[in-house]
PDB file of N, CA and C in Angstrom:
ATOM      1  N   MET A   1      -6.482   9.404 -22.249  1.00  0.00           N
ATOM      2  CA  MET A   1      -7.014   8.708 -21.079  1.00  0.00           C
ATOM      3  C   MET A   1      -6.584   7.247 -21.129  1.00  0.00           C
ATOM      4  N   LEU A   2      -6.408   6.684 -19.970  1.00  0.00           N
ATOM      5  CA  LEU A   2      -6.062   5.271 -19.840  1.00  0.00           C
ATOM      6  C   LEU A   2      -7.038   4.634 -18.866  1.00  0.00           C
ATOM      7  N   LEU A   3      -7.614   3.512 -19.258  1.00  0.00           N
ATOM      8  CA  LEU A   3      -8.510   2.740 -18.399  1.00  0.00           C
ATOM      9  C   LEU A   3      -7.906   1.358 -18.226  1.00  0.00           C
ATOM     10  N   LYS A   4      -7.715   0.946 -16.985  1.00  0.00           N
ATOM     11  CA  LYS A   4      -7.192  -0.393 -16.697  1.00  0.00           C
ATOM     12  C   LYS A   4      -8.159  -1.102 -15.752  1.00  0.00           C
ATOM     13  N   LYS A   5      -8.337  -2.370 -15.955  1.00  0.00           N
ATOM     14  CA  LYS A   5      -9.144  -3.215 -15.066  1.00  0.00           C
ATOM     15  C   LYS A   5      -8.206  -3.844 -14.042  1.00  0.00           C
ATOM     16  N   SER A   6      -8.495  -3.675 -12.768  1.00  0.00           N
ATOM     17  CA  SER A   6      -7.574  -4.160 -11.732  1.00  0.00           C
ATOM     18  C   SER A   6      -7.339  -5.665 -11.840  1.00  0.00           C
ATOM     19  N   ASN A   7      -8.338  -6.424 -12.236  1.00  0.00           N
ATOM     20  CA  ASN A   7      -8.158  -7.874 -12.352  1.00  0.00           C
ATOM     21  C   ASN A   7      -7.250  -8.256 -13.511  1.00  0.00           C
ATOM     22  N   ASP A   8      -7.010  -7.329 -14.439  1.00  0.00           N
ATOM     23  CA  ASP A   8      -6.097  -7.582 -15.557  1.00  0.00           C
ATOM     24  C   ASP A   8      -4.649  -7.252 -15.203  1.00  0.00           C
ATOM     25  N   VAL A   9      -4.432  -6.623 -14.057  1.00  0.00           N
ATOM     26  CA  VAL A   9      -3.086  -6.240 -13.618  1.00  0.00           C
ATOM     27  C   VAL A   9      -2.522  -7.359 -12.747  1.00  0.00           C
ATOM     28  N   VAL A  10      -1.318  -7.783 -13.044  1.00  0.00           N
ATOM     29  CA  VAL A  10      -0.682  -8.898 -12.325  1.00  0.00           C
ATOM     30  C   VAL A  10      -0.533  -8.570 -10.836  1.00  0.00           C
ATOM     31  N   ARG A  11      -0.903  -9.515 -10.012  1.00  0.00           N
ATOM     32  CA  ARG A  11      -0.732  -9.417  -8.554  1.00  0.00           C
ATOM     33  C   ARG A  11       0.688  -9.875  -8.236  1.00  0.00           C
ATOM     34  N   GLN A  12       1.487  -8.947  -7.667  1.00  0.00           N
ATOM     35  CA  GLN A  12       2.900  -9.241  -7.414  1.00  0.00           C
ATOM     36  C   GLN A  12       3.170  -9.324  -5.917  1.00  0.00           C
ATOM     37  N   ALA A  13       3.812 -10.402  -5.507  1.00  0.00           N
ATOM     38  CA  ALA A  13       4.167 -10.587  -4.099  1.00  0.00           C
ATOM     39  C   ALA A  13       5.214  -9.561  -3.693  1.00  0.00           C
ATOM     40  N   ILE A  14       5.063  -9.020  -2.489  1.00  0.00           N
ATOM     41  CA  ILE A  14       6.075  -8.135  -1.917  1.00  0.00           C
ATOM     42  C   ILE A  14       7.027  -9.030  -1.133  1.00  0.00           C
ATOM     43  N   THR A  15       8.274  -9.089  -1.574  1.00  0.00           N
ATOM     44  CA  THR A  15       9.231 -10.036  -0.999  1.00  0.00           C
ATOM     45  C   THR A  15      10.260  -9.381  -0.074  1.00  0.00           C
ATOM     46  N   ALA A  16      10.077  -8.103   0.215  1.00  0.00           N
ATOM     47  CA  ALA A  16      11.019  -7.401   1.100  1.00  0.00           C
ATOM     48  C   ALA A  16      10.957  -7.985   2.507  1.00  0.00           C
ATOM     49  N   ASP A  17      12.045  -7.841   3.237  1.00  0.00           N
ATOM     50  CA  ASP A  17      12.118  -8.340   4.614  1.00  0.00           C
ATOM     51  C   ASP A  17      10.984  -7.781   5.456  1.00  0.00           C
ATOM     52  N   GLY A  18      10.374  -8.639   6.268  1.00  0.00           N
ATOM     53  CA  GLY A  18       9.342  -8.214   7.196  1.00  0.00           C
ATOM     54  C   GLY A  18       7.933  -8.246   6.639  1.00  0.00           C
ATOM     55  N   PHE A  19       7.777  -8.527   5.352  1.00  0.00           N
ATOM     56  CA  PHE A  19       6.453  -8.623   4.737  1.00  0.00           C
ATOM     57  C   PHE A  19       6.040 -10.088   4.675  1.00  0.00           C
ATOM     58  N   ALA A  20       4.753 -10.364   4.890  1.00  0.00           N
ATOM     59  CA  ALA A  20       4.236 -11.727   4.789  1.00  0.00           C
ATOM     60  C   ALA A  20       2.825 -11.672   4.214  1.00  0.00           C
ATOM     61  N   GLY A  21       2.590 -12.418   3.164  1.00  0.00           N
ATOM     62  CA  GLY A  21       1.252 -12.484   2.574  1.00  0.00           C
ATOM     63  C   GLY A  21       0.777 -11.163   2.007  1.00  0.00           C
ATOM     64  N   ALA A  22       1.702 -10.322   1.537  1.00  0.00           N
ATOM     65  CA  ALA A  22       1.369  -8.985   1.028  1.00  0.00           C
ATOM     66  C   ALA A  22       1.648  -8.918  -0.475  1.00  0.00           C
ATOM     67  N   TYR A  23       0.724  -8.269  -1.193  1.00  0.00           N
ATOM     68  CA  TYR A  23       0.794  -8.188  -2.651  1.00  0.00           C
ATOM     69  C   TYR A  23       0.399  -6.797  -3.117  1.00  0.00           C
ATOM     70  N   ASN A  24       0.896  -6.406  -4.282  1.00  0.00           N
ATOM     71  CA  ASN A  24       0.488  -5.161  -4.927  1.00  0.00           C
ATOM     72  C   ASN A  24       0.077  -5.444  -6.368  1.00  0.00           C
ATOM     73  N   ARG A  25      -0.913  -4.714  -6.815  1.00  0.00           N
ATOM     74  CA  ARG A  25      -1.242  -4.603  -8.232  1.00  0.00           C
ATOM     75  C   ARG A  25      -0.922  -3.147  -8.572  1.00  0.00           C
ATOM     76  N   TYR A  26       0.066  -2.934  -9.427  1.00  0.00           N
ATOM     77  CA  TYR A  26       0.495  -1.584  -9.780  1.00  0.00           C
ATOM     78  C   TYR A  26      -0.423  -1.070 -10.883  1.00  0.00           C
ATOM     79  N   LEU A  27      -1.500  -0.401 -10.483  1.00  0.00           N
ATOM     80  CA  LEU A  27      -2.557  -0.003 -11.407  1.00  0.00           C
ATOM     81  C   LEU A  27      -2.121   1.115 -12.342  1.00  0.00           C
ATOM     82  N   LEU A  28      -1.518   2.159 -11.789  1.00  0.00           N
ATOM     83  CA  LEU A  28      -1.077   3.307 -12.588  1.00  0.00           C
ATOM     84  C   LEU A  28       0.302   3.731 -12.109  1.00  0.00           C
ATOM     85  N   ILE A  29       1.279   3.659 -13.021  1.00  0.00           N
ATOM     86  CA  ILE A  29       2.662   3.993 -12.691  1.00  0.00           C
ATOM     87  C   ILE A  29       3.253   4.833 -13.823  1.00  0.00           C
ATOM     88  N   ARG A  30       4.515   5.166 -13.696  1.00  0.00           N
ATOM     89  CA  ARG A  30       5.153   6.035 -14.698  1.00  0.00           C
ATOM     90  C   ARG A  30       5.021   5.470 -16.117  1.00  0.00           C
ATOM     91  N   GLU A  31       5.234   4.168 -16.302  1.00  0.00           N
ATOM     92  CA  GLU A  31       5.183   3.598 -17.657  1.00  0.00           C
ATOM     93  C   GLU A  31       3.794   3.707 -18.279  1.00  0.00           C
ATOM     94  N   ASP A  32       2.782   3.988 -17.453  1.00  0.00           N
ATOM     95  CA  ASP A  32       1.426   4.223 -17.964  1.00  0.00           C
ATOM     96  C   ASP A  32       1.213   5.685 -18.347  1.00  0.00           C
ATOM     97  N   GLY A  33       2.240   6.507 -18.154  1.00  0.00           N
ATOM     98  CA  GLY A  33       2.131   7.930 -18.476  1.00  0.00           C
ATOM     99  C   GLY A  33       1.809   8.802 -17.284  1.00  0.00           C
ATOM    100  N   CYS A  34       1.872   8.241 -16.082  1.00  0.00           N
ATOM    101  CA  CYS A  34       1.588   9.003 -14.864  1.00  0.00           C
ATOM    102  C   CYS A  34       2.903   9.604 -14.354  1.00  0.00           C
ATOM    103  N   PRO A  35       3.089  10.909 -14.467  1.00  0.00           N
ATOM    104  CA  PRO A  35       4.362  11.504 -14.088  1.00  0.00           C
ATOM    105  C   PRO A  35       4.508  11.830 -12.600  1.00  0.00           C
ATOM    106  N   ASN A  36       3.400  11.952 -11.870  1.00  0.00           N
ATOM    107  CA  ASN A  36       3.480  12.478 -10.509  1.00  0.00           C
ATOM    108  C   ASN A  36       3.054  11.525  -9.405  1.00  0.00           C
ATOM    109  N   TYR A  37       2.012  10.741  -9.637  1.00  0.00           N
ATOM    110  CA  TYR A  37       1.483   9.858  -8.603  1.00  0.00           C
ATOM    111  C   TYR A  37       1.260   8.459  -9.144  1.00  0.00           C
ATOM    112  N   ALA A  38       1.472   7.463  -8.275  1.00  0.00           N
ATOM    113  CA  ALA A  38       1.200   6.071  -8.600  1.00  0.00           C
ATOM    114  C   ALA A  38      -0.009   5.610  -7.798  1.00  0.00           C
ATOM    115  N   LEU A  39      -0.737   4.677  -8.382  1.00  0.00           N
ATOM    116  CA  LEU A  39      -1.919   4.107  -7.740  1.00  0.00           C
ATOM    117  C   LEU A  39      -1.740   2.596  -7.678  1.00  0.00           C
ATOM    118  N   ARG A  40      -1.861   2.052  -6.473  1.00  0.00           N
ATOM    119  CA  ARG A  40      -1.702   0.617  -6.254  1.00  0.00           C
ATOM    120  C   ARG A  40      -2.951   0.054  -5.601  1.00  0.00           C
ATOM    121  N   LEU A  41      -3.228  -1.205  -5.902  1.00  0.00           N
ATOM    122  CA  LEU A  41      -4.191  -1.965  -5.135  1.00  0.00           C
ATOM    123  C   LEU A  41      -3.366  -2.927  -4.294  1.00  0.00           C
ATOM    124  N   SER A  42      -3.364  -2.722  -2.992  1.00  0.00           N
ATOM    125  CA  SER A  42      -2.600  -3.571  -2.079  1.00  0.00           C
ATOM    126  C   SER A  42      -3.534  -4.606  -1.470  1.00  0.00           C
ATOM    127  N   GLU A  43      -3.015  -5.824  -1.337  1.00  0.00           N
ATOM    128  CA  GLU A  43      -3.790  -6.936  -0.794  1.00  0.00           C
ATOM    129  C   GLU A  43      -2.936  -7.674   0.232  1.00  0.00           C
ATOM    130  N   ILE A  44      -3.535  -7.936   1.390  1.00  0.00           N
ATOM    131  CA  ILE A  44      -2.835  -8.676   2.435  1.00  0.00           C
ATOM    132  C   ILE A  44      -3.709  -9.858   2.841  1.00  0.00           C
ATOM    133  N   GLU A  45      -3.134 -11.046   2.765  1.00  0.00           N
ATOM    134  CA  GLU A  45      -3.849 -12.272   3.110  1.00  0.00           C
ATOM    135  C   GLU A  45      -4.118 -12.328   4.614  1.00  0.00           C
ATOM    136  N   PRO A  46      -5.117 -13.116   5.041  1.00  0.00           N
ATOM    137  CA  PRO A  46      -5.370 -13.270   6.475  1.00  0.00           C
ATOM    138  C   PRO A  46      -4.092 -13.677   7.221  1.00  0.00           C
ATOM    139  N   GLY A  47      -3.813 -12.978   8.314  1.00  0.00           N
ATOM    140  CA  GLY A  47      -2.607 -13.224   9.098  1.00  0.00           C
ATOM    141  C   GLY A  47      -1.360 -12.558   8.532  1.00  0.00           C
ATOM    142  N   GLY A  48      -1.468 -11.954   7.350  1.00  0.00           N
ATOM    143  CA  GLY A  48      -0.325 -11.304   6.722  1.00  0.00           C
ATOM    144  C   GLY A  48      -0.126  -9.883   7.221  1.00  0.00           C
ATOM    145  N   HIS A  49       1.011  -9.293   6.803  1.00  0.00           N
ATOM    146  CA  HIS A  49       1.333  -7.941   7.264  1.00  0.00           C
ATOM    147  C   HIS A  49       2.443  -7.347   6.416  1.00  0.00           C
ATOM    148  N   THR A  50       2.583  -6.042   6.525  1.00  0.00           N
ATOM    149  CA  THR A  50       3.751  -5.351   5.984  1.00  0.00           C
ATOM    150  C   THR A  50       4.791  -5.299   7.099  1.00  0.00           C
ATOM    151  N   SER A  51       5.974  -4.826   6.764  1.00  0.00           N
ATOM    152  CA  SER A  51       6.970  -4.584   7.814  1.00  0.00           C
ATOM    153  C   SER A  51       6.615  -3.263   8.503  1.00  0.00           C
ATOM    154  N   TYR A  52       7.276  -2.999   9.615  1.00  0.00           N
ATOM    155  CA  TYR A  52       7.158  -1.698  10.280  1.00  0.00           C
ATOM    156  C   TYR A  52       8.254  -0.843   9.656  1.00  0.00           C
ATOM    157  N   HIS A  53       7.867   0.109   8.819  1.00  0.00           N
ATOM    158  CA  HIS A  53       8.835   0.813   7.974  1.00  0.00           C
ATOM    159  C   HIS A  53       8.397   2.248   7.718  1.00  0.00           C
ATOM    160  N   ALA A  54       9.282   3.021   7.097  1.00  0.00           N
ATOM    161  CA  ALA A  54       8.992   4.408   6.716  1.00  0.00           C
ATOM    162  C   ALA A  54       9.576   4.661   5.336  1.00  0.00           C
ATOM    163  N   HIS A  55       9.041   5.662   4.662  1.00  0.00           N
ATOM    164  CA  HIS A  55       9.479   6.040   3.315  1.00  0.00           C
ATOM    165  C   HIS A  55       9.819   7.527   3.276  1.00  0.00           C
ATOM    166  N   GLU A  56      10.588   7.899   2.281  1.00  0.00           N
ATOM    167  CA  GLU A  56      10.822   9.319   1.999  1.00  0.00           C
ATOM    168  C   GLU A  56       9.522   9.988   1.533  1.00  0.00           C
ATOM    169  N   GLU A  57       8.637   9.202   0.907  1.00  0.00           N
ATOM    170  CA  GLU A  57       7.406   9.737   0.335  1.00  0.00           C
ATOM    171  C   GLU A  57       6.220   9.564   1.289  1.00  0.00           C
ATOM    172  N   GLU A  58       5.259  10.463   1.182  1.00  0.00           N
ATOM    173  CA  GLU A  58       3.997  10.288   1.890  1.00  0.00           C
ATOM    174  C   GLU A  58       3.222   9.145   1.239  1.00  0.00           C
ATOM    175  N   HIS A  59       2.227   8.619   1.949  1.00  0.00           N
ATOM    176  CA  HIS A  59       1.324   7.590   1.428  1.00  0.00           C
ATOM    177  C   HIS A  59      -0.093   7.974   1.819  1.00  0.00           C
ATOM    178  N   GLU A  60      -1.031   7.599   0.983  1.00  0.00           N
ATOM    179  CA  GLU A  60      -2.448   7.698   1.309  1.00  0.00           C
ATOM    180  C   GLU A  60      -3.064   6.330   1.062  1.00  0.00           C
ATOM    181  N   TYR A  61      -3.874   5.869   2.015  1.00  0.00           N
ATOM    182  CA  TYR A  61      -4.554   4.580   1.900  1.00  0.00           C
ATOM    183  C   TYR A  61      -6.056   4.813   1.934  1.00  0.00           C
ATOM    184  N   TYR A  62      -6.783   3.987   1.176  1.00  0.00           N
ATOM    185  CA  TYR A  62      -8.239   3.933   1.270  1.00  0.00           C
ATOM    186  C   TYR A  62      -8.618   2.460   1.314  1.00  0.00           C
ATOM    187  N   PHE A  63      -9.234   2.038   2.406  1.00  0.00           N
ATOM    188  CA  PHE A  63      -9.538   0.624   2.625  1.00  0.00           C
ATOM    189  C   PHE A  63     -10.853   0.236   1.959  1.00  0.00           C
ATOM    190  N   LEU A  64     -10.803  -0.874   1.211  1.00  0.00           N
ATOM    191  CA  LEU A  64     -11.920  -1.342   0.397  1.00  0.00           C
ATOM    192  C   LEU A  64     -12.626  -2.557   0.978  1.00  0.00           C
ATOM    193  N   GLU A  65     -11.848  -3.525   1.453  1.00  0.00           N
ATOM    194  CA  GLU A  65     -12.407  -4.794   1.935  1.00  0.00           C
ATOM    195  C   GLU A  65     -11.567  -5.325   3.081  1.00  0.00           C
ATOM    196  N   GLY A  66     -12.225  -6.097   3.956  1.00  0.00           N
ATOM    197  CA  GLY A  66     -11.509  -6.792   5.009  1.00  0.00           C
ATOM    198  C   GLY A  66     -11.425  -6.021   6.311  1.00  0.00           C
ATOM    199  N   ALA A  67     -10.675  -6.600   7.237  1.00  0.00           N
ATOM    200  CA  ALA A  67     -10.478  -6.008   8.563  1.00  0.00           C
ATOM    201  C   ALA A  67      -8.986  -5.961   8.848  1.00  0.00           C
ATOM    202  N   GLY A  68      -8.528  -4.815   9.304  1.00  0.00           N
ATOM    203  CA  GLY A  68      -7.103  -4.682   9.542  1.00  0.00           C
ATOM    204  C   GLY A  68      -6.768  -3.773  10.695  1.00  0.00           C
ATOM    205  N   VAL A  69      -5.475  -3.694  10.930  1.00  0.00           N
ATOM    206  CA  VAL A  69      -4.910  -2.791  11.924  1.00  0.00           C
ATOM    207  C   VAL A  69      -3.795  -2.032  11.229  1.00  0.00           C
ATOM    208  N   ILE A  70      -3.722  -0.739  11.480  1.00  0.00           N
ATOM    209  CA  ILE A  70      -2.556   0.029  11.037  1.00  0.00           C
ATOM    210  C   ILE A  70      -1.837   0.493  12.297  1.00  0.00           C
ATOM    211  N   VAL A  71      -0.549   0.241  12.320  1.00  0.00           N
ATOM    212  CA  VAL A  71       0.294   0.625  13.447  1.00  0.00           C
ATOM    213  C   VAL A  71       0.951   1.949  13.088  1.00  0.00           C
ATOM    214  N   ASP A  72       0.815   2.950  13.957  1.00  0.00           N
ATOM    215  CA  ASP A  72       1.353   4.270  13.640  1.00  0.00           C
ATOM    216  C   ASP A  72       2.792   4.430  14.154  1.00  0.00           C
ATOM    217  N   HIS A  73       3.318   5.639  14.000  1.00  0.00           N
ATOM    218  CA  HIS A  73       4.717   5.919  14.365  1.00  0.00           C
ATOM    219  C   HIS A  73       4.993   5.788  15.860  1.00  0.00           C
ATOM    220  N   ASP A  74       3.942   5.832  16.679  1.00  0.00           N
ATOM    221  CA  ASP A  74       4.094   5.631  18.126  1.00  0.00           C
ATOM    222  C   ASP A  74       3.819   4.178  18.525  1.00  0.00           C
ATOM    223  N   LYS A  75       3.656   3.316  17.521  1.00  0.00           N
ATOM    224  CA  LYS A  75       3.345   1.894  17.691  1.00  0.00           C
ATOM    225  C   LYS A  75       1.965   1.663  18.298  1.00  0.00           C
ATOM    226  N   VAL A  76       1.056   2.641  18.114  1.00  0.00           N
ATOM    227  CA  VAL A  76      -0.329   2.493  18.527  1.00  0.00           C
ATOM    228  C   VAL A  76      -1.080   1.823  17.379  1.00  0.00           C
ATOM    229  N   GLU A  77      -1.891   0.811  17.701  1.00  0.00           N
ATOM    230  CA  GLU A  77      -2.665   0.092  16.695  1.00  0.00           C
ATOM    231  C   GLU A  77      -4.051   0.710  16.547  1.00  0.00           C
ATOM    232  N   HIS A  78      -4.461   0.910  15.288  1.00  0.00           N
ATOM    233  CA  HIS A  78      -5.766   1.476  14.968  1.00  0.00           C
ATOM    234  C   HIS A  78      -6.507   0.504  14.050  1.00  0.00           C
ATOM    235  N   ILE A  79      -7.729   0.156  14.407  1.00  0.00           N
ATOM    236  CA  ILE A  79      -8.548  -0.717  13.567  1.00  0.00           C
ATOM    237  C   ILE A  79      -8.923   0.047  12.292  1.00  0.00           C
ATOM    238  N   VAL A  80      -8.814  -0.627  11.135  1.00  0.00           N
ATOM    239  CA  VAL A  80      -9.254  -0.045   9.869  1.00  0.00           C
ATOM    240  C   VAL A  80     -10.239  -1.000   9.210  1.00  0.00           C
ATOM    241  N   GLU A  81     -11.207  -0.415   8.523  1.00  0.00           N
ATOM    242  CA  GLU A  81     -12.241  -1.184   7.841  1.00  0.00           C
ATOM    243  C   GLU A  81     -12.634  -0.461   6.567  1.00  0.00           C
ATOM    244  N   PRO A  82     -13.428  -1.112   5.716  1.00  0.00           N
ATOM    245  CA  PRO A  82     -13.806  -0.472   4.455  1.00  0.00           C
ATOM    246  C   PRO A  82     -14.397   0.927   4.671  1.00  0.00           C
ATOM    247  N   GLY A  83     -13.933   1.857   3.843  1.00  0.00           N
ATOM    248  CA  GLY A  83     -14.380   3.240   3.936  1.00  0.00           C
ATOM    249  C   GLY A  83     -13.438   4.142   4.699  1.00  0.00           C
ATOM    250  N   ASP A  84     -12.440   3.560   5.382  1.00  0.00           N
ATOM    251  CA  ASP A  84     -11.480   4.362   6.137  1.00  0.00           C
ATOM    252  C   ASP A  84     -10.360   4.864   5.223  1.00  0.00           C
ATOM    253  N   ALA A  85      -9.934   6.097   5.450  1.00  0.00           N
ATOM    254  CA  ALA A  85      -8.819   6.703   4.718  1.00  0.00           C
ATOM    255  C   ALA A  85      -7.729   7.053   5.723  1.00  0.00           C
ATOM    256  N   VAL A  86      -6.471   6.836   5.319  1.00  0.00           N
ATOM    257  CA  VAL A  86      -5.328   7.077   6.200  1.00  0.00           C
ATOM    258  C   VAL A  86      -4.282   7.876   5.436  1.00  0.00           C
ATOM    259  N   TYR A  87      -3.758   8.911   6.072  1.00  0.00           N
ATOM    260  CA  TYR A  87      -2.637   9.686   5.524  1.00  0.00           C
ATOM    261  C   TYR A  87      -1.407   9.377   6.356  1.00  0.00           C
ATOM    262  N   ILE A  88      -0.310   9.009   5.682  1.00  0.00           N
ATOM    263  CA  ILE A  88       0.949   8.728   6.353  1.00  0.00           C
ATOM    264  C   ILE A  88       1.985   9.730   5.842  1.00  0.00           C
ATOM    265  N   PRO A  89       2.391  10.668   6.676  1.00  0.00           N
ATOM    266  CA  PRO A  89       3.395  11.649   6.251  1.00  0.00           C
ATOM    267  C   PRO A  89       4.729  10.986   5.909  1.00  0.00           C
ATOM    268  N   GLN A  90       5.537  11.686   5.143  1.00  0.00           N
ATOM    269  CA  GLN A  90       6.854  11.148   4.785  1.00  0.00           C
ATOM    270  C   GLN A  90       7.669  10.886   6.044  1.00  0.00           C
ATOM    271  N   LYS A  91       8.495   9.859   5.976  1.00  0.00           N
ATOM    272  CA  LYS A  91       9.415   9.450   7.035  1.00  0.00           C
ATOM    273  C   LYS A  91       8.726   9.001   8.328  1.00  0.00           C
ATOM    274  N   GLN A  92       7.416   8.696   8.271  1.00  0.00           N
ATOM    275  CA  GLN A  92       6.710   8.252   9.461  1.00  0.00           C
ATOM    276  C   GLN A  92       6.502   6.735   9.405  1.00  0.00           C
ATOM    277  N   LYS A  93       6.996   6.045  10.429  1.00  0.00           N
ATOM    278  CA  LYS A  93       6.885   4.586  10.449  1.00  0.00           C
ATOM    279  C   LYS A  93       5.428   4.155  10.537  1.00  0.00           C
ATOM    280  N   HIS A  94       5.154   3.001   9.901  1.00  0.00           N
ATOM    281  CA  HIS A  94       3.804   2.453   9.872  1.00  0.00           C
ATOM    282  C   HIS A  94       3.862   0.971   9.502  1.00  0.00           C
ATOM    283  N   GLN A  95       2.772   0.280   9.783  1.00  0.00           N
ATOM    284  CA  GLN A  95       2.640  -1.127   9.432  1.00  0.00           C
ATOM    285  C   GLN A  95       1.160  -1.419   9.247  1.00  0.00           C
ATOM    286  N   VAL A  96       0.841  -2.321   8.313  1.00  0.00           N
ATOM    287  CA  VAL A  96      -0.538  -2.761   8.107  1.00  0.00           C
ATOM    288  C   VAL A  96      -0.593  -4.260   8.359  1.00  0.00           C
ATOM    289  N   LYS A  97      -1.605  -4.684   9.129  1.00  0.00           N
ATOM    290  CA  LYS A  97      -1.808  -6.104   9.447  1.00  0.00           C
ATOM    291  C   LYS A  97      -3.236  -6.493   9.093  1.00  0.00           C
ATOM    292  N   ASN A  98      -3.395  -7.693   8.558  1.00  0.00           N
ATOM    293  CA  ASN A  98      -4.726  -8.230   8.319  1.00  0.00           C
ATOM    294  C   ASN A  98      -5.130  -9.040   9.547  1.00  0.00           C
ATOM    295  N   ILE A  99      -6.224  -8.611  10.192  1.00  0.00           N
ATOM    296  CA  ILE A  99      -6.708  -9.322  11.379  1.00  0.00           C
ATOM    297  C   ILE A  99      -8.010 -10.057  11.094  1.00  0.00           C
ATOM    298  N   GLY A 100      -8.424 -10.059   9.837  1.00  0.00           N
ATOM    299  CA  GLY A 100      -9.681 -10.692   9.465  1.00  0.00           C
ATOM    300  C   GLY A 100      -9.506 -12.076   8.874  1.00  0.00           C
ATOM    301  N   GLU A 101     -10.608 -12.599   8.361  1.00  0.00           N
ATOM    302  CA  GLU A 101     -10.621 -13.939   7.768  1.00  0.00           C
ATOM    303  C   GLU A 101     -10.644 -13.893   6.250  1.00  0.00           C
ATOM    304  N   SER A 102     -10.637 -12.686   5.689  1.00  0.00           N
ATOM    305  CA  SER A 102     -10.605 -12.532   4.231  1.00  0.00           C
ATOM    306  C   SER A 102      -9.470 -11.575   3.862  1.00  0.00           C
ATOM    307  N   VAL A 103      -9.219 -11.441   2.574  1.00  0.00           N
ATOM    308  CA  VAL A 103      -8.143 -10.565   2.101  1.00  0.00           C
ATOM    309  C   VAL A 103      -8.453  -9.116   2.470  1.00  0.00           C
ATOM    310  N   LEU A 104      -7.466  -8.428   3.011  1.00  0.00           N
ATOM    311  CA  LEU A 104      -7.565  -6.991   3.284  1.00  0.00           C
ATOM    312  C   LEU A 104      -7.123  -6.276   2.016  1.00  0.00           C
ATOM    313  N   LYS A 105      -8.006  -5.444   1.449  1.00  0.00           N
ATOM    314  CA  LYS A 105      -7.689  -4.728   0.213  1.00  0.00           C
ATOM    315  C   LYS A 105      -7.780  -3.232   0.451  1.00  0.00           C
ATOM    316  N   PHE A 106      -6.781  -2.517  -0.067  1.00  0.00           N
ATOM    317  CA  PHE A 106      -6.804  -1.067   0.044  1.00  0.00           C
ATOM    318  C   PHE A 106      -6.064  -0.437  -1.124  1.00  0.00           C
ATOM    319  N   ILE A 107      -6.483   0.763  -1.446  1.00  0.00           N
ATOM    320  CA  ILE A 107      -5.825   1.571  -2.467  1.00  0.00           C
ATOM    321  C   ILE A 107      -4.708   2.342  -1.784  1.00  0.00           C
ATOM    322  N   CYS A 108      -3.572   2.416  -2.446  1.00  0.00           N
ATOM    323  CA  CYS A 108      -2.424   3.180  -1.942  1.00  0.00           C
ATOM    324  C   CYS A 108      -1.981   4.140  -3.040  1.00  0.00           C
ATOM    325  N   THR A 109      -1.886   5.419  -2.711  1.00  0.00           N
ATOM    326  CA  THR A 109      -1.312   6.389  -3.649  1.00  0.00           C
ATOM    327  C   THR A 109       0.008   6.873  -3.073  1.00  0.00           C
ATOM    328  N   ILE A 110       0.978   7.056  -3.985  1.00  0.00           N
ATOM    329  CA  ILE A 110       2.286   7.580  -3.588  1.00  0.00           C
ATOM    330  C   ILE A 110       2.777   8.534  -4.653  1.00  0.00           C
ATOM    331  N   PRO A 111       3.528   9.558  -4.263  1.00  0.00           N
ATOM    332  CA  PRO A 111       4.171  10.385  -5.274  1.00  0.00           C
ATOM    333  C   PRO A 111       5.277   9.581  -5.958  1.00  0.00           C
ATOM    334  N   ILE A 112       5.462   9.810  -7.234  1.00  0.00           N
ATOM    335  CA  ILE A 112       6.556   9.165  -7.952  1.00  0.00           C
ATOM    336  C   ILE A 112       7.757  10.093  -7.875  1.00  0.00           C
ATOM    337  N   PHE A 113       8.836   9.635  -7.217  1.00  0.00           N
ATOM    338  CA  PHE A 113      10.014  10.480  -7.106  1.00  0.00           C
ATOM    339  C   PHE A 113      10.698  10.586  -8.470  1.00  0.00           C
ATOM    340  N   LYS A 114      11.545  11.575  -8.621  1.00  0.00           N
ATOM    341  CA  LYS A 114      12.125  11.941  -9.913  1.00  0.00           C
ATOM    342  C   LYS A 114      12.686  10.763 -10.691  1.00  0.00           C
ATOM    343  N   GLU A 115      13.437   9.891 -10.038  1.00  0.00           N
ATOM    344  CA  GLU A 115      14.059   8.753 -10.708  1.00  0.00           C
ATOM    345  C   GLU A 115      13.168   7.518 -10.634  1.00  0.00           C
ATOM    346  N   GLY A 116      11.998   7.626 -10.046  1.00  0.00           N
ATOM    347  CA  GLY A 116      11.184   6.456  -9.732  1.00  0.00           C
ATOM    348  C   GLY A 116      10.289   5.983 -10.858  1.00  0.00           C
ATOM    349  N   ASP A 117       9.809   4.754 -10.670  1.00  0.00           N
ATOM    350  CA  ASP A 117       8.916   4.138 -11.653  1.00  0.00           C
ATOM    351  C   ASP A 117       7.475   4.061 -11.163  1.00  0.00           C
ATOM    352  N   GLY A 118       7.248   4.392  -9.894  1.00  0.00           N
ATOM    353  CA  GLY A 118       5.915   4.303  -9.324  1.00  0.00           C
ATOM    354  C   GLY A 118       5.667   2.986  -8.615  1.00  0.00           C
ATOM    355  N   LYS A 119       6.590   2.042  -8.764  1.00  0.00           N
ATOM    356  CA  LYS A 119       6.479   0.767  -8.051  1.00  0.00           C
ATOM    357  C   LYS A 119       7.271   0.803  -6.755  1.00  0.00           C
ATOM    358  N   SER A 120       8.431   1.412  -6.804  1.00  0.00           N
ATOM    359  CA  SER A 120       9.308   1.410  -5.638  1.00  0.00           C
ATOM    360  C   SER A 120       9.204   2.717  -4.872  1.00  0.00           C
ATOM    361  N   THR A 121       9.580   2.634  -3.610  1.00  0.00           N
ATOM    362  CA  THR A 121       9.649   3.814  -2.755  1.00  0.00           C
ATOM    363  C   THR A 121      11.046   3.866  -2.158  1.00  0.00           C
ATOM    364  N   ARG A 122      11.363   4.986  -1.549  1.00  0.00           N
ATOM    365  CA  ARG A 122      12.674   5.139  -0.909  1.00  0.00           C
ATOM    366  C   ARG A 122      12.499   4.956   0.593  1.00  0.00           C
ATOM    367  N   LEU A 123      12.967   3.821   1.100  1.00  0.00           N
ATOM    368  CA  LEU A 123      12.856   3.548   2.530  1.00  0.00           C
ATOM    369  C   LEU A 123      13.851   4.393   3.313  1.00  0.00           C
ATOM    370  N   VAL A 124      13.452   4.769   4.536  1.00  0.00           N
ATOM    371  CA  VAL A 124      14.358   5.512   5.424  1.00  0.00           C
ATOM    372  C   VAL A 124      14.674   4.672   6.634  1.00  0.00           C
TER     373      VAL A 124
END
């Protein structure tokens, strides 16, 4: 068994094009002994957002704190708040925006692809 404290995991800025004020804490990844799924704590600062993008892998989100919007593949915006869960199928475009005054925090799970480390995904 492995137990990690999220506050002990380094908060890393996402520097890819189209991201602003977005960070990940890679809680459980391949180097931790997780062969199939990665667990991230994602944080988006007020006014921040991810890009509008898609991955080869599915994603699951569970929102913990803050107020946000998730934009779906049809570019429809959906309000998200703590307690909401979102499933994003593979190759489906999506975006997350923080519309609140505090940090938007959510858990993200992704499958780890064969060559992957659990930090990166394959964009389409």
